[in-house]
């Protein structure tokens, strides 16, 4: 595989270390009026810098909530501090994937990885948040994609946000839980919501633009900004028609010889069930049903790693 092209420049985040919250790299503004706690996070994976660029931009807007609270947070800052554009894949995490550890059992364990230590610092923050947007990016040049847990409240929030065009609701089909699956957000008895946006290929210029646009749409949806206030800051001025999909299957590579039959980027729709999508050693991976959509193909997957997901269109 060719070396990645890094078009984005990581911002200097040292000025954001002390946000006055008691948790490094977390800033919270409290209106003093009752309302929801809205939060945007970046750098859950240390090499996915598009979210950091978006938050750096939003800080300069001096946004303040009229009701409730607004927080911005840089998550796995220790991994980010190792980011090297000449070897950008190396700083995804320090010891373990920060976005696969959000179970009470793991957080309460005796483990002392860099990610667990940081996760325990952030846990009280997430416990207080009502609406979360977690900004990520992908290994392939895929269209941007909102990922949510398959609950009505998350689907409703993704519709209110209205960006990007594609929404995939369902599990990650990998061990552990993402932040958006952390118990307070996964509880059907509360109205807390959490969404994860995959903005495009990790270091492409357009990925930074999508991160900013998604954050702005989310801030409008949660009432932090008005549509008029946000309008001048959008890269893309129009709002796309959304397609909401339910993730039904996960594809895990069995062998180290996993390869897609074409250079799929993701969100391709296949008309017929049984359409070949990949070769995995001597086995062929096919679509499980008609009008199946391929979600986030991983062209770097090896045996035991998630290679893709399949989804059906809900609307």
C-alpha atoms as a PDB file:
ATOM      1  CA  UNK A   1       0.000   0.000   0.000  1.00  0.00           C
ATOM      2  CA  UNK A   2       1.295   3.462  -0.919  1.00  0.00           C
ATOM      3  CA  UNK A   3       2.432   5.797   1.841  1.00  0.00           C
ATOM      4  CA  UNK A   4      -0.393   8.053   3.044  1.00  0.00           C
ATOM      5  CA  UNK A   5      -0.520  11.660   1.924  1.00  0.00           C
ATOM      6  CA  UNK A   6      -0.921  14.019   4.885  1.00  0.00           C
ATOM      7  CA  UNK A   7      -2.657  17.188   3.710  1.00  0.00           C
ATOM      8  CA  UNK A   8      -3.847  18.300   7.147  1.00  0.00           C
ATOM      9  CA  UNK A   9      -1.611  20.035   9.664  1.00  0.00           C
ATOM     10  CA  UNK A  10      -2.060  19.150  13.319  1.00  0.00           C
ATOM     11  CA  UNK A  11      -2.703  22.233  15.465  1.00  0.00           C
ATOM     12  CA  UNK A  12      -0.678  23.144  18.532  1.00  0.00           C
ATOM     13  CA  UNK A  13      -2.984  22.207  21.392  1.00  0.00           C
ATOM     14  CA  UNK A  14      -0.790  23.106  24.360  1.00  0.00           C
ATOM     15  CA  UNK A  15      -2.751  26.323  24.941  1.00  0.00           C
ATOM     16  CA  UNK A  16      -5.857  24.209  25.647  1.00  0.00           C
ATOM     17  CA  UNK A  17      -4.367  22.112  28.429  1.00  0.00           C
ATOM     18  CA  UNK A  18      -5.883  23.999  31.361  1.00  0.00           C
ATOM     19  CA  UNK A  19      -9.582  24.437  30.790  1.00  0.00           C
ATOM     20  CA  UNK A  20     -10.383  25.118  34.416  1.00  0.00           C
ATOM     21  CA  UNK A  21     -12.412  21.901  34.732  1.00  0.00           C
ATOM     22  CA  UNK A  22      -9.890  19.829  36.670  1.00  0.00           C
ATOM     23  CA  UNK A  23      -9.486  17.558  33.642  1.00  0.00           C
ATOM     24  CA  UNK A  24      -6.694  18.501  31.257  1.00  0.00           C
ATOM     25  CA  UNK A  25      -7.769  19.458  27.731  1.00  0.00           C
ATOM     26  CA  UNK A  26     -11.461  19.691  28.644  1.00  0.00           C
ATOM     27  CA  UNK A  27     -13.176  23.090  28.565  1.00  0.00           C
ATOM     28  CA  UNK A  28     -16.718  23.664  29.831  1.00  0.00           C
ATOM     29  CA  UNK A  29     -18.816  26.810  29.696  1.00  0.00           C
ATOM     30  CA  UNK A  30     -21.858  26.870  31.994  1.00  0.00           C
ATOM     31  CA  UNK A  31     -24.647  29.305  31.166  1.00  0.00           C
ATOM     32  CA  UNK A  32     -25.998  29.178  34.699  1.00  0.00           C
ATOM     33  CA  UNK A  33     -29.414  28.362  33.245  1.00  0.00           C
ATOM     34  CA  UNK A  34     -31.057  24.915  33.217  1.00  0.00           C
ATOM     35  CA  UNK A  35     -30.491  22.967  30.027  1.00  0.00           C
ATOM     36  CA  UNK A  36     -28.596  20.187  28.341  1.00  0.00           C
ATOM     37  CA  UNK A  37     -24.865  19.568  28.486  1.00  0.00           C
ATOM     38  CA  UNK A  38     -23.563  19.467  24.902  1.00  0.00           C
ATOM     39  CA  UNK A  39     -20.053  18.182  24.149  1.00  0.00           C
ATOM     40  CA  UNK A  40     -17.798  17.736  21.118  1.00  0.00           C
ATOM     41  CA  UNK A  41     -14.711  15.527  21.422  1.00  0.00           C
ATOM     42  CA  UNK A  42     -11.707  15.003  19.168  1.00  0.00           C
ATOM     43  CA  UNK A  43      -8.623  12.766  19.166  1.00  0.00           C
ATOM     44  CA  UNK A  44     -10.249   9.681  20.607  1.00  0.00           C
ATOM     45  CA  UNK A  45      -7.644   8.202  18.279  1.00  0.00           C
ATOM     46  CA  UNK A  46      -4.469  10.249  18.461  1.00  0.00           C
ATOM     47  CA  UNK A  47      -3.752  10.294  14.740  1.00  0.00           C
ATOM     48  CA  UNK A  48      -7.250  11.384  13.648  1.00  0.00           C
ATOM     49  CA  UNK A  49      -6.463  15.082  13.663  1.00  0.00           C
ATOM     50  CA  UNK A  50      -9.447  16.437  11.706  1.00  0.00           C
ATOM     51  CA  UNK A  51     -11.471  16.816  14.905  1.00  0.00           C
ATOM     52  CA  UNK A  52      -8.673  18.730  16.606  1.00  0.00           C
ATOM     53  CA  UNK A  53      -8.612  21.123  13.648  1.00  0.00           C
ATOM     54  CA  UNK A  54     -12.388  21.584  13.887  1.00  0.00           C
ATOM     55  CA  UNK A  55     -12.306  22.257  17.641  1.00  0.00           C
ATOM     56  CA  UNK A  56      -9.387  24.652  17.225  1.00  0.00           C
ATOM     57  CA  UNK A  57     -11.577  26.604  14.794  1.00  0.00           C
ATOM     58  CA  UNK A  58     -14.600  26.518  17.112  1.00  0.00           C
ATOM     59  CA  UNK A  59     -12.579  27.811  20.063  1.00  0.00           C
ATOM     60  CA  UNK A  60     -11.909  30.969  18.062  1.00  0.00           C
ATOM     61  CA  UNK A  61     -15.658  31.573  17.680  1.00  0.00           C
ATOM     62  CA  UNK A  62     -15.978  32.109  21.451  1.00  0.00           C
ATOM     63  CA  UNK A  63     -19.239  30.162  21.598  1.00  0.00           C
ATOM     64  CA  UNK A  64     -21.192  30.265  24.824  1.00  0.00           C
ATOM     65  CA  UNK A  65     -24.411  28.401  25.613  1.00  0.00           C
ATOM     66  CA  UNK A  66     -27.545  30.386  26.413  1.00  0.00           C
ATOM     67  CA  UNK A  67     -28.852  27.494  28.519  1.00  0.00           C
ATOM     68  CA  UNK A  68     -27.144  24.408  29.914  1.00  0.00           C
ATOM     69  CA  UNK A  69     -23.460  23.749  29.283  1.00  0.00           C
ATOM     70  CA  UNK A  70     -21.066  23.399  26.351  1.00  0.00           C
ATOM     71  CA  UNK A  71     -17.837  21.377  26.488  1.00  0.00           C
ATOM     72  CA  UNK A  72     -14.978  20.772  24.088  1.00  0.00           C
ATOM     73  CA  UNK A  73     -12.512  17.979  24.825  1.00  0.00           C
ATOM     74  CA  UNK A  74      -9.340  16.506  23.338  1.00  0.00           C
ATOM     75  CA  UNK A  75      -9.462  12.858  24.368  1.00  0.00           C
ATOM     76  CA  UNK A  76      -6.311  10.768  23.860  1.00  0.00           C
ATOM     77  CA  UNK A  77      -3.878  13.646  24.078  1.00  0.00           C
ATOM     78  CA  UNK A  78      -0.958  11.379  25.010  1.00  0.00           C
ATOM     79  CA  UNK A  79      -1.300   9.483  21.727  1.00  0.00           C
ATOM     80  CA  UNK A  80      -1.714  12.734  19.797  1.00  0.00           C
ATOM     81  CA  UNK A  81       1.517  14.103  21.236  1.00  0.00           C
ATOM     82  CA  UNK A  82       3.298  11.265  19.398  1.00  0.00           C
ATOM     83  CA  UNK A  83       1.733  12.164  16.029  1.00  0.00           C
ATOM     84  CA  UNK A  84       4.326  12.211  13.257  1.00  0.00           C
ATOM     85  CA  UNK A  85       3.153  13.045   9.718  1.00  0.00           C
ATOM     86  CA  UNK A  86       5.939  10.846   8.316  1.00  0.00           C
ATOM     87  CA  UNK A  87       4.496   7.840  10.193  1.00  0.00           C
ATOM     88  CA  UNK A  88       0.877   8.873  10.853  1.00  0.00           C
ATOM     89  CA  UNK A  89      -0.582   5.435  11.568  1.00  0.00           C
ATOM     90  CA  UNK A  90       1.672   4.885  14.584  1.00  0.00           C
ATOM     91  CA  UNK A  91      -0.080   7.233  17.013  1.00  0.00           C
ATOM     92  CA  UNK A  92      -3.610   5.809  16.981  1.00  0.00           C
ATOM     93  CA  UNK A  93      -3.215   4.908  20.659  1.00  0.00           C
ATOM     94  CA  UNK A  94      -0.510   4.309  23.263  1.00  0.00           C
ATOM     95  CA  UNK A  95      -1.445   0.989  24.893  1.00  0.00           C
ATOM     96  CA  UNK A  96      -4.995   0.116  23.821  1.00  0.00           C
ATOM     97  CA  UNK A  97      -7.773   1.413  21.601  1.00  0.00           C
ATOM     98  CA  UNK A  98      -9.475   4.222  23.521  1.00  0.00           C
ATOM     99  CA  UNK A  99     -12.687   3.561  21.626  1.00  0.00           C
ATOM    100  CA  UNK A 100     -13.058  -0.079  22.665  1.00  0.00           C
ATOM    101  CA  UNK A 101     -12.797   0.193  26.448  1.00  0.00           C
ATOM    102  CA  UNK A 102     -16.073   1.785  27.577  1.00  0.00           C
ATOM    103  CA  UNK A 103     -17.470  -0.950  29.789  1.00  0.00           C
ATOM    104  CA  UNK A 104     -17.771  -0.600  33.551  1.00  0.00           C
ATOM    105  CA  UNK A 105     -15.872  -3.857  33.987  1.00  0.00           C
ATOM    106  CA  UNK A 106     -12.849  -2.544  32.093  1.00  0.00           C
ATOM    107  CA  UNK A 107     -12.946   0.972  33.526  1.00  0.00           C
ATOM    108  CA  UNK A 108     -13.180  -0.407  37.068  1.00  0.00           C
ATOM    109  CA  UNK A 109     -10.457  -3.007  36.530  1.00  0.00           C
ATOM    110  CA  UNK A 110      -6.931  -2.941  37.938  1.00  0.00           C
ATOM    111  CA  UNK A 111      -5.540  -2.064  34.515  1.00  0.00           C
ATOM    112  CA  UNK A 112      -3.249   0.961  34.270  1.00  0.00           C
ATOM    113  CA  UNK A 113      -2.814   1.535  30.560  1.00  0.00           C
ATOM    114  CA  UNK A 114      -2.387   5.119  29.383  1.00  0.00           C
ATOM    115  CA  UNK A 115      -5.871   4.969  27.890  1.00  0.00           C
ATOM    116  CA  UNK A 116      -7.507   3.606  31.044  1.00  0.00           C
ATOM    117  CA  UNK A 117      -5.926   6.317  33.178  1.00  0.00           C
ATOM    118  CA  UNK A 118      -7.193   8.996  30.792  1.00  0.00           C
ATOM    119  CA  UNK A 119     -10.585   7.307  30.452  1.00  0.00           C
ATOM    120  CA  UNK A 120     -11.107   7.393  34.204  1.00  0.00           C
ATOM    121  CA  UNK A 121     -10.342  11.116  34.156  1.00  0.00           C
ATOM    122  CA  UNK A 122     -12.933  11.686  31.452  1.00  0.00           C
ATOM    123  CA  UNK A 123     -15.562   9.345  32.845  1.00  0.00           C
ATOM    124  CA  UNK A 124     -17.120  11.918  35.167  1.00  0.00           C
ATOM    125  CA  UNK A 125     -17.321  14.357  32.276  1.00  0.00           C
ATOM    126  CA  UNK A 126     -19.121  11.871  30.033  1.00  0.00           C
ATOM    127  CA  UNK A 127     -21.431  10.936  32.908  1.00  0.00           C
ATOM    128  CA  UNK A 128     -22.686  14.529  32.926  1.00  0.00           C
ATOM    129  CA  UNK A 129     -23.039  15.000  29.143  1.00  0.00           C
ATOM    130  CA  UNK A 130     -26.479  14.893  27.514  1.00  0.00           C
ATOM    131  CA  UNK A 131     -25.534  15.149  23.819  1.00  0.00           C
ATOM    132  CA  UNK A 132     -22.115  14.067  22.506  1.00  0.00           C
ATOM    133  CA  UNK A 133     -20.453  14.309  19.097  1.00  0.00           C
ATOM    134  CA  UNK A 134     -17.188  12.344  18.798  1.00  0.00           C
ATOM    135  CA  UNK A 135     -15.166  13.269  15.680  1.00  0.00           C
ATOM    136  CA  UNK A 136     -13.150  10.578  13.844  1.00  0.00           C
ATOM    137  CA  UNK A 137     -11.683   9.772  10.422  1.00  0.00           C
ATOM    138  CA  UNK A 138     -11.031   6.620   8.325  1.00  0.00           C
ATOM    139  CA  UNK A 139      -8.294   4.679   6.584  1.00  0.00           C
ATOM    140  CA  UNK A 140     -10.031   4.812   3.182  1.00  0.00           C
ATOM    141  CA  UNK A 141     -11.319   7.633   0.986  1.00  0.00           C
ATOM    142  CA  UNK A 142     -14.854   6.838   2.056  1.00  0.00           C
ATOM    143  CA  UNK A 143     -17.772   9.251   1.992  1.00  0.00           C
ATOM    144  CA  UNK A 144     -18.355  10.745   5.440  1.00  0.00           C
ATOM    145  CA  UNK A 145     -20.515   8.640   7.703  1.00  0.00           C
ATOM    146  CA  UNK A 146     -22.326   9.181  10.993  1.00  0.00           C
ATOM    147  CA  UNK A 147     -22.202   6.122  13.272  1.00  0.00           C
ATOM    148  CA  UNK A 148     -24.770   5.713  16.019  1.00  0.00           C
ATOM    149  CA  UNK A 149     -26.078   3.054  18.314  1.00  0.00           C
ATOM    150  CA  UNK A 150     -29.317   1.634  16.960  1.00  0.00           C
ATOM    151  CA  UNK A 151     -31.704   3.429  19.325  1.00  0.00           C
ATOM    152  CA  UNK A 152     -34.581   5.691  18.356  1.00  0.00           C
ATOM    153  CA  UNK A 153     -33.121   8.625  20.287  1.00  0.00           C
ATOM    154  CA  UNK A 154     -29.828   8.431  18.387  1.00  0.00           C
ATOM    155  CA  UNK A 155     -31.554   8.158  15.030  1.00  0.00           C
ATOM    156  CA  UNK A 156     -33.643  11.201  15.947  1.00  0.00           C
ATOM    157  CA  UNK A 157     -30.533  13.209  16.870  1.00  0.00           C
ATOM    158  CA  UNK A 158     -28.773  12.234  13.648  1.00  0.00           C
ATOM    159  CA  UNK A 159     -31.819  13.467  11.713  1.00  0.00           C
ATOM    160  CA  UNK A 160     -31.853  16.760  13.608  1.00  0.00           C
ATOM    161  CA  UNK A 161     -28.162  17.212  12.844  1.00  0.00           C
ATOM    162  CA  UNK A 162     -28.859  16.330   9.201  1.00  0.00           C
ATOM    163  CA  UNK A 163     -25.217  15.916   8.212  1.00  0.00           C
ATOM    164  CA  UNK A 164     -23.427  14.038   6.735  1.00  0.00           C
ATOM    165  CA  UNK A 165     -25.604  12.284   4.165  1.00  0.00           C
ATOM    166  CA  UNK A 166     -25.097   8.697   5.360  1.00  0.00           C
ATOM    167  CA  UNK A 167     -25.947   7.384   8.834  1.00  0.00           C
ATOM    168  CA  UNK A 168     -25.143   3.824   9.965  1.00  0.00           C
ATOM    169  CA  UNK A 169     -26.959   2.610  13.062  1.00  0.00           C
ATOM    170  CA  UNK A 170     -25.744  -0.503  14.830  1.00  0.00           C
ATOM    171  CA  UNK A 171     -22.842  -2.285  16.521  1.00  0.00           C
ATOM    172  CA  UNK A 172     -19.191  -2.016  15.582  1.00  0.00           C
ATOM    173  CA  UNK A 173     -18.772  -5.834  15.410  1.00  0.00           C
ATOM    174  CA  UNK A 174     -15.513  -5.722  17.343  1.00  0.00           C
ATOM    175  CA  UNK A 175     -14.631  -6.472  20.967  1.00  0.00           C
ATOM    176  CA  UNK A 176     -15.271  -3.781  23.544  1.00  0.00           C
ATOM    177  CA  UNK A 177     -17.509  -0.715  23.485  1.00  0.00           C
ATOM    178  CA  UNK A 178     -17.110   2.703  21.916  1.00  0.00           C
ATOM    179  CA  UNK A 179     -17.670   5.921  23.857  1.00  0.00           C
ATOM    180  CA  UNK A 180     -21.029   6.273  22.097  1.00  0.00           C
ATOM    181  CA  UNK A 181     -21.994   2.885  23.610  1.00  0.00           C
ATOM    182  CA  UNK A 182     -20.996   3.877  27.153  1.00  0.00           C
ATOM    183  CA  UNK A 183     -23.872   3.030  29.502  1.00  0.00           C
ATOM    184  CA  UNK A 184     -25.345   6.540  30.042  1.00  0.00           C
ATOM    185  CA  UNK A 185     -25.729   6.992  26.276  1.00  0.00           C
ATOM    186  CA  UNK A 186     -26.911   3.414  25.703  1.00  0.00           C
ATOM    187  CA  UNK A 187     -29.669   3.611  28.317  1.00  0.00           C
ATOM    188  CA  UNK A 188     -33.141   3.572  26.776  1.00  0.00           C
ATOM    189  CA  UNK A 189     -34.539   5.099  29.987  1.00  0.00           C
ATOM    190  CA  UNK A 190     -32.686   8.401  29.411  1.00  0.00           C
ATOM    191  CA  UNK A 191     -32.679  10.919  26.566  1.00  0.00           C
ATOM    192  CA  UNK A 192     -28.871  11.168  26.475  1.00  0.00           C
ATOM    193  CA  UNK A 193     -27.473  10.848  22.940  1.00  0.00           C
ATOM    194  CA  UNK A 194     -24.063  10.170  21.420  1.00  0.00           C
ATOM    195  CA  UNK A 195     -22.887  10.086  17.815  1.00  0.00           C
ATOM    196  CA  UNK A 196     -19.565   9.329  16.120  1.00  0.00           C
ATOM    197  CA  UNK A 197     -18.783  10.938  12.782  1.00  0.00           C
ATOM    198  CA  UNK A 198     -16.255   9.413  10.393  1.00  0.00           C
ATOM    199  CA  UNK A 199     -15.272  12.428   8.303  1.00  0.00           C
ATOM    200  CA  UNK A 200     -13.334  10.756   5.482  1.00  0.00           C
ATOM    201  CA  UNK A 201      -9.781   9.587   4.846  1.00  0.00           C
ATOM    202  CA  UNK A 202      -7.588  10.443   7.812  1.00  0.00           C
ATOM    203  CA  UNK A 203      -5.463  13.245   6.464  1.00  0.00           C
ATOM    204  CA  UNK A 204      -7.248  14.472   3.331  1.00  0.00           C
ATOM    205  CA  UNK A 205      -8.035  18.191   3.142  1.00  0.00           C
ATOM    206  CA  UNK A 206     -11.751  17.511   2.635  1.00  0.00           C
ATOM    207  CA  UNK A 207     -11.851  15.504   5.869  1.00  0.00           C
ATOM    208  CA  UNK A 208     -11.039  18.593   7.900  1.00  0.00           C
ATOM    209  CA  UNK A 209     -13.824  20.472   6.131  1.00  0.00           C
ATOM    210  CA  UNK A 210     -16.346  17.711   6.894  1.00  0.00           C
ATOM    211  CA  UNK A 211     -15.295  17.683  10.562  1.00  0.00           C
ATOM    212  CA  UNK A 212     -15.977  21.388  10.857  1.00  0.00           C
ATOM    213  CA  UNK A 213     -19.285  21.243   8.992  1.00  0.00           C
ATOM    214  CA  UNK A 214     -20.532  18.311  11.072  1.00  0.00           C
ATOM    215  CA  UNK A 215     -19.618  20.058  14.311  1.00  0.00           C
ATOM    216  CA  UNK A 216     -21.449  23.205  13.209  1.00  0.00           C
ATOM    217  CA  UNK A 217     -24.580  21.275  12.211  1.00  0.00           C
ATOM    218  CA  UNK A 218     -24.495  19.506  15.590  1.00  0.00           C
ATOM    219  CA  UNK A 219     -24.219  22.819  17.422  1.00  0.00           C
ATOM    220  CA  UNK A 220     -27.236  24.098  15.508  1.00  0.00           C
ATOM    221  CA  UNK A 221     -29.196  20.914  16.251  1.00  0.00           C
ATOM    222  CA  UNK A 222     -28.463  21.239  19.970  1.00  0.00           C
ATOM    223  CA  UNK A 223     -29.299  24.956  20.119  1.00  0.00           C
ATOM    224  CA  UNK A 224     -25.785  26.230  20.839  1.00  0.00           C
ATOM    225  CA  UNK A 225     -25.814  28.177  17.556  1.00  0.00           C
ATOM    226  CA  UNK A 226     -28.578  29.342  15.272  1.00  0.00           C
ATOM    227  CA  UNK A 227     -28.579  28.357  11.616  1.00  0.00           C
ATOM    228  CA  UNK A 228     -27.856  31.978  10.685  1.00  0.00           C
ATOM    229  CA  UNK A 229     -24.889  32.130  13.060  1.00  0.00           C
ATOM    230  CA  UNK A 230     -23.416  28.950  11.616  1.00  0.00           C
ATOM    231  CA  UNK A 231     -24.084  29.722   7.936  1.00  0.00           C
ATOM    232  CA  UNK A 232     -20.968  31.773   7.250  1.00  0.00           C
ATOM    233  CA  UNK A 233     -18.692  29.066   8.659  1.00  0.00           C
ATOM    234  CA  UNK A 234     -19.825  26.120   6.529  1.00  0.00           C
ATOM    235  CA  UNK A 235     -17.644  24.763   3.729  1.00  0.00           C
ATOM    236  CA  UNK A 236     -20.639  23.023   2.186  1.00  0.00           C
ATOM    237  CA  UNK A 237     -23.596  25.398   2.155  1.00  0.00           C
ATOM    238  CA  UNK A 238     -26.332  22.921   1.200  1.00  0.00           C
ATOM    239  CA  UNK A 239     -27.631  20.142   3.426  1.00  0.00           C
ATOM    240  CA  UNK A 240     -27.705  16.688   1.788  1.00  0.00           C
ATOM    241  CA  UNK A 241     -30.604  14.245   1.797  1.00  0.00           C
ATOM    242  CA  UNK A 242     -29.863  11.713   4.505  1.00  0.00           C
ATOM    243  CA  UNK A 243     -29.829   7.939   4.107  1.00  0.00           C
ATOM    244  CA  UNK A 244     -30.188   6.007   7.384  1.00  0.00           C
ATOM    245  CA  UNK A 245     -28.953   2.407   7.408  1.00  0.00           C
ATOM    246  CA  UNK A 246     -28.968  -0.420   9.927  1.00  0.00           C
ATOM    247  CA  UNK A 247     -25.712  -2.341  10.319  1.00  0.00           C
ATOM    248  CA  UNK A 248     -26.579  -6.044  10.283  1.00  0.00           C
ATOM    249  CA  UNK A 249     -23.323  -7.956   9.753  1.00  0.00           C
ATOM    250  CA  UNK A 250     -19.659  -7.575  10.580  1.00  0.00           C
ATOM    251  CA  UNK A 251     -16.906  -8.987   8.370  1.00  0.00           C
ATOM    252  CA  UNK A 252     -13.772 -10.134  10.193  1.00  0.00           C
ATOM    253  CA  UNK A 253     -10.740 -11.195   8.189  1.00  0.00           C
ATOM    254  CA  UNK A 254      -9.965 -14.873   8.738  1.00  0.00           C
ATOM    255  CA  UNK A 255      -6.618 -14.847   6.993  1.00  0.00           C
ATOM    256  CA  UNK A 256      -3.805 -12.386   6.399  1.00  0.00           C
ATOM    257  CA  UNK A 257      -4.684 -12.616   2.716  1.00  0.00           C
ATOM    258  CA  UNK A 258      -7.910 -10.598   2.843  1.00  0.00           C
ATOM    259  CA  UNK A 259      -8.533  -8.436  -0.221  1.00  0.00           C
ATOM    260  CA  UNK A 260     -11.552  -6.707  -1.701  1.00  0.00           C
ATOM    261  CA  UNK A 261     -12.455  -7.590  -5.275  1.00  0.00           C
ATOM    262  CA  UNK A 262     -12.496  -3.886  -6.181  1.00  0.00           C
ATOM    263  CA  UNK A 263     -11.139  -0.670  -4.704  1.00  0.00           C
ATOM    264  CA  UNK A 264     -14.280  -0.028  -2.686  1.00  0.00           C
ATOM    265  CA  UNK A 265     -14.354   3.161  -0.635  1.00  0.00           C
ATOM    266  CA  UNK A 266     -17.518   2.475   1.358  1.00  0.00           C
ATOM    267  CA  UNK A 267     -21.252   3.158   1.075  1.00  0.00           C
ATOM    268  CA  UNK A 268     -21.469   1.201  -2.189  1.00  0.00           C
ATOM    269  CA  UNK A 269     -24.868  -0.427  -2.640  1.00  0.00           C
ATOM    270  CA  UNK A 270     -25.163  -3.905  -4.188  1.00  0.00           C
ATOM    271  CA  UNK A 271     -28.412  -4.803  -5.903  1.00  0.00           C
ATOM    272  CA  UNK A 272     -28.216  -8.591  -5.572  1.00  0.00           C
ATOM    273  CA  UNK A 273     -27.658 -10.906  -2.616  1.00  0.00           C
ATOM    274  CA  UNK A 274     -24.595 -13.118  -3.011  1.00  0.00           C
ATOM    275  CA  UNK A 275     -22.510 -10.511  -4.834  1.00  0.00           C
ATOM    276  CA  UNK A 276     -18.780 -11.159  -4.252  1.00  0.00           C
ATOM    277  CA  UNK A 277     -17.168  -8.343  -2.281  1.00  0.00           C
ATOM    278  CA  UNK A 278     -13.864  -9.786  -1.028  1.00  0.00           C
ATOM    279  CA  UNK A 279     -11.566 -12.808  -1.073  1.00  0.00           C
ATOM    280  CA  UNK A 280     -10.335 -14.085   2.282  1.00  0.00           C
ATOM    281  CA  UNK A 281      -7.741 -16.745   1.619  1.00  0.00           C
ATOM    282  CA  UNK A 282      -9.714 -19.453  -0.193  1.00  0.00           C
ATOM    283  CA  UNK A 283     -13.118 -18.079   0.888  1.00  0.00           C
ATOM    284  CA  UNK A 284     -15.292 -15.512  -0.853  1.00  0.00           C
ATOM    285  CA  UNK A 285     -17.180 -12.858   1.111  1.00  0.00           C
ATOM    286  CA  UNK A 286     -20.561 -12.056  -0.453  1.00  0.00           C
ATOM    287  CA  UNK A 287     -23.411  -9.677   0.294  1.00  0.00           C
ATOM    288  CA  UNK A 288     -25.978 -11.276   2.639  1.00  0.00           C
ATOM    289  CA  UNK A 289     -29.082  -9.686   1.054  1.00  0.00           C
ATOM    290  CA  UNK A 290     -30.274  -7.497  -1.819  1.00  0.00           C
ATOM    291  CA  UNK A 291     -29.551  -3.760  -1.808  1.00  0.00           C
ATOM    292  CA  UNK A 292     -26.833  -4.308   0.771  1.00  0.00           C
ATOM    293  CA  UNK A 293     -24.525  -1.371   1.581  1.00  0.00           C
ATOM    294  CA  UNK A 294     -20.813  -1.829   2.307  1.00  0.00           C
ATOM    295  CA  UNK A 295     -19.699   0.150   5.354  1.00  0.00           C
ATOM    296  CA  UNK A 296     -16.106   1.257   6.011  1.00  0.00           C
ATOM    297  CA  UNK A 297     -13.995  -1.304   4.113  1.00  0.00           C
ATOM    298  CA  UNK A 298     -10.593  -1.687   5.742  1.00  0.00           C
ATOM    299  CA  UNK A 299      -7.989  -2.368   3.080  1.00  0.00           C
ATOM    300  CA  UNK A 300      -5.318  -2.884   5.736  1.00  0.00           C
ATOM    301  CA  UNK A 301      -7.079  -5.658   7.652  1.00  0.00           C
ATOM    302  CA  UNK A 302      -5.261  -8.823   8.704  1.00  0.00           C
ATOM    303  CA  UNK A 303      -6.507 -12.067  10.231  1.00  0.00           C
ATOM    304  CA  UNK A 304      -8.738 -11.406  13.235  1.00  0.00           C
ATOM    305  CA  UNK A 305      -9.319  -7.746  12.384  1.00  0.00           C
ATOM    306  CA  UNK A 306     -12.584  -6.173  11.273  1.00  0.00           C
ATOM    307  CA  UNK A 307     -12.601  -5.742   7.513  1.00  0.00           C
ATOM    308  CA  UNK A 308     -16.037  -4.226   6.852  1.00  0.00           C
ATOM    309  CA  UNK A 309     -19.694  -4.147   7.831  1.00  0.00           C
ATOM    310  CA  UNK A 310     -22.887  -4.668   5.857  1.00  0.00           C
ATOM    311  CA  UNK A 311     -26.016  -2.557   6.280  1.00  0.00           C
ATOM    312  CA  UNK A 312     -29.578  -2.356   4.990  1.00  0.00           C
ATOM    313  CA  UNK A 313     -31.288   0.909   4.155  1.00  0.00           C
ATOM    314  CA  UNK A 314     -34.017   1.924   6.607  1.00  0.00           C
ATOM    315  CA  UNK A 315     -35.417   4.790   4.563  1.00  0.00           C
END
